[in-house]
Amino acid sequence: MAEVVIQICPNASELAAVLSDLDSHPERIAAISRRNAKEALLRHDWVYRWNEMFRVAGIELSPRMAVRERRLKDMADFIAGQTER
């Protein structure tokens, strides 16, 4: 299961310890960063919002929208394939 949230106490009393632990696991931070970048590319671009509006309105997508969506997916695939260096 993918790590979505890094847990801390509500009063942040253990924040320094959590940050120290994260700092000692650069591979964990790199994996989280890659996953977040990939998900942002696949979900949080205006092309996806426009696609949904066009779908609801029964309007065909423009070729440029399809190109942009493909480019975003290619970038997400590239990021997903990255490994530690």
C-alpha atoms as a PDB file:
ATOM      1  CA  MET A   1       0.000   0.000   0.000  1.00  0.00           C
ATOM      2  CA  ALA A   2       1.326   3.416  -0.919  1.00  0.00           C
ATOM      3  CA  GLU A   3       2.180   5.834   1.812  1.00  0.00           C
ATOM      4  CA  VAL A   4      -0.252   8.731   1.547  1.00  0.00           C
ATOM      5  CA  VAL A   5       0.224  10.671   4.769  1.00  0.00           C
ATOM      6  CA  ILE A   6       3.124  10.909   7.169  1.00  0.00           C
ATOM      7  CA  GLN A   7       1.572  10.683  10.615  1.00  0.00           C
ATOM      8  CA  ILE A   8       2.431  13.111  13.414  1.00  0.00           C
ATOM      9  CA  CYS A   9       0.724  13.852  16.729  1.00  0.00           C
ATOM     10  CA  PRO A  10      -1.934  16.555  16.507  1.00  0.00           C
ATOM     11  CA  ASN A  11       0.066  18.763  18.869  1.00  0.00           C
ATOM     12  CA  ALA A  12       3.230  18.164  16.792  1.00  0.00           C
ATOM     13  CA  SER A  13       5.143  17.123  19.908  1.00  0.00           C
ATOM     14  CA  GLU A  14       7.098  14.513  17.952  1.00  0.00           C
ATOM     15  CA  LEU A  15       7.634  16.571  14.811  1.00  0.00           C
ATOM     16  CA  ALA A  16      11.418  16.783  15.248  1.00  0.00           C
ATOM     17  CA  ALA A  17      11.668  13.003  15.628  1.00  0.00           C
ATOM     18  CA  VAL A  18       9.459  12.388  12.576  1.00  0.00           C
ATOM     19  CA  LEU A  19      11.515  14.794  10.459  1.00  0.00           C
ATOM     20  CA  SER A  20      14.746  13.234  11.685  1.00  0.00           C
ATOM     21  CA  ASP A  21      13.447   9.777  10.804  1.00  0.00           C
ATOM     22  CA  LEU A  22      12.430  10.971   7.338  1.00  0.00           C
ATOM     23  CA  ASP A  23      15.836  12.559   6.864  1.00  0.00           C
ATOM     24  CA  SER A  24      17.479   9.218   7.623  1.00  0.00           C
ATOM     25  CA  HIS A  25      15.466   7.462   4.864  1.00  0.00           C
ATOM     26  CA  PRO A  26      16.194   9.319   1.619  1.00  0.00           C
ATOM     27  CA  GLU A  27      14.947   6.381  -0.439  1.00  0.00           C
ATOM     28  CA  ARG A  28      11.537   6.661   1.242  1.00  0.00           C
ATOM     29  CA  ILE A  29      11.373  10.394   0.523  1.00  0.00           C
ATOM     30  CA  ALA A  30      12.439   9.815  -3.098  1.00  0.00           C
ATOM     31  CA  ALA A  31       9.727   7.171  -3.570  1.00  0.00           C
ATOM     32  CA  ILE A  32       7.078   9.437  -2.052  1.00  0.00           C
ATOM     33  CA  SER A  33       8.228  12.305  -4.262  1.00  0.00           C
ATOM     34  CA  ARG A  34       8.128  10.202  -7.432  1.00  0.00           C
ATOM     35  CA  ARG A  35       4.677   8.865  -6.629  1.00  0.00           C
ATOM     36  CA  ASN A  36       3.322  12.340  -5.862  1.00  0.00           C
ATOM     37  CA  ALA A  37       4.779  13.802  -9.063  1.00  0.00           C
ATOM     38  CA  LYS A  38       3.297  10.948 -11.100  1.00  0.00           C
ATOM     39  CA  GLU A  39      -0.142  11.322  -9.519  1.00  0.00           C
ATOM     40  CA  ALA A  40      -0.098  15.098 -10.004  1.00  0.00           C
ATOM     41  CA  LEU A  41       0.639  14.617 -13.713  1.00  0.00           C
ATOM     42  CA  LEU A  42      -2.188  12.096 -14.040  1.00  0.00           C
ATOM     43  CA  ARG A  43      -4.846  13.962 -12.068  1.00  0.00           C
ATOM     44  CA  HIS A  44      -4.203  17.650 -11.522  1.00  0.00           C
ATOM     45  CA  ASP A  45      -3.919  19.300 -14.899  1.00  0.00           C
ATOM     46  CA  TRP A  46      -6.627  21.399 -16.465  1.00  0.00           C
ATOM     47  CA  VAL A  47      -6.831  19.046 -19.427  1.00  0.00           C
ATOM     48  CA  TYR A  48      -8.565  16.476 -17.193  1.00  0.00           C
ATOM     49  CA  ARG A  49     -11.088  19.040 -15.977  1.00  0.00           C
ATOM     50  CA  TRP A  50     -11.799  20.175 -19.535  1.00  0.00           C
ATOM     51  CA  ASN A  51     -12.116  16.562 -20.673  1.00  0.00           C
ATOM     52  CA  GLU A  52     -14.795  15.950 -18.060  1.00  0.00           C
ATOM     53  CA  MET A  53     -16.679  19.137 -18.969  1.00  0.00           C
ATOM     54  CA  PHE A  54     -16.521  18.257 -22.658  1.00  0.00           C
ATOM     55  CA  ARG A  55     -17.686  14.700 -21.925  1.00  0.00           C
ATOM     56  CA  VAL A  56     -20.693  15.953 -19.941  1.00  0.00           C
ATOM     57  CA  ALA A  57     -21.533  18.480 -22.671  1.00  0.00           C
ATOM     58  CA  GLY A  58     -21.157  15.873 -25.416  1.00  0.00           C
ATOM     59  CA  ILE A  59     -18.327  17.778 -27.089  1.00  0.00           C
ATOM     60  CA  GLU A  60     -15.516  15.917 -28.799  1.00  0.00           C
ATOM     61  CA  LEU A  61     -12.026  16.511 -27.434  1.00  0.00           C
ATOM     62  CA  SER A  62      -9.678  18.562 -29.557  1.00  0.00           C
ATOM     63  CA  PRO A  63      -6.556  16.903 -30.981  1.00  0.00           C
ATOM     64  CA  ARG A  64      -4.374  19.266 -28.926  1.00  0.00           C
ATOM     65  CA  MET A  65      -6.105  18.135 -25.731  1.00  0.00           C
ATOM     66  CA  ALA A  66      -5.339  14.533 -26.621  1.00  0.00           C
ATOM     67  CA  VAL A  67      -1.696  15.440 -27.294  1.00  0.00           C
ATOM     68  CA  ARG A  68      -1.417  17.203 -23.938  1.00  0.00           C
ATOM     69  CA  GLU A  69      -2.975  14.264 -22.090  1.00  0.00           C
ATOM     70  CA  ARG A  70      -0.601  11.845 -23.849  1.00  0.00           C
ATOM     71  CA  ARG A  71       2.387  14.050 -22.968  1.00  0.00           C
ATOM     72  CA  LEU A  72       1.335  14.124 -19.307  1.00  0.00           C
ATOM     73  CA  LYS A  73       0.966  10.337 -19.274  1.00  0.00           C
ATOM     74  CA  ASP A  74       4.386   9.923 -20.889  1.00  0.00           C
ATOM     75  CA  MET A  75       5.966  12.155 -18.239  1.00  0.00           C
ATOM     76  CA  ALA A  76       4.187  10.200 -15.486  1.00  0.00           C
ATOM     77  CA  ASP A  77       5.470   6.930 -16.946  1.00  0.00           C
ATOM     78  CA  PHE A  78       8.990   8.343 -17.092  1.00  0.00           C
ATOM     79  CA  ILE A  79       8.816   9.448 -13.449  1.00  0.00           C
ATOM     80  CA  ALA A  80       7.380   6.085 -12.376  1.00  0.00           C
ATOM     81  CA  GLY A  81      10.308   4.360 -14.053  1.00  0.00           C
ATOM     82  CA  GLN A  82      12.947   6.433 -12.269  1.00  0.00           C
ATOM     83  CA  THR A  83      15.044   4.721  -9.636  1.00  0.00           C
ATOM     84  CA  GLU A  84      17.514   5.926  -7.069  1.00  0.00           C
ATOM     85  CA  ARG A  85      20.805   7.076  -8.486  1.00  0.00           C
END
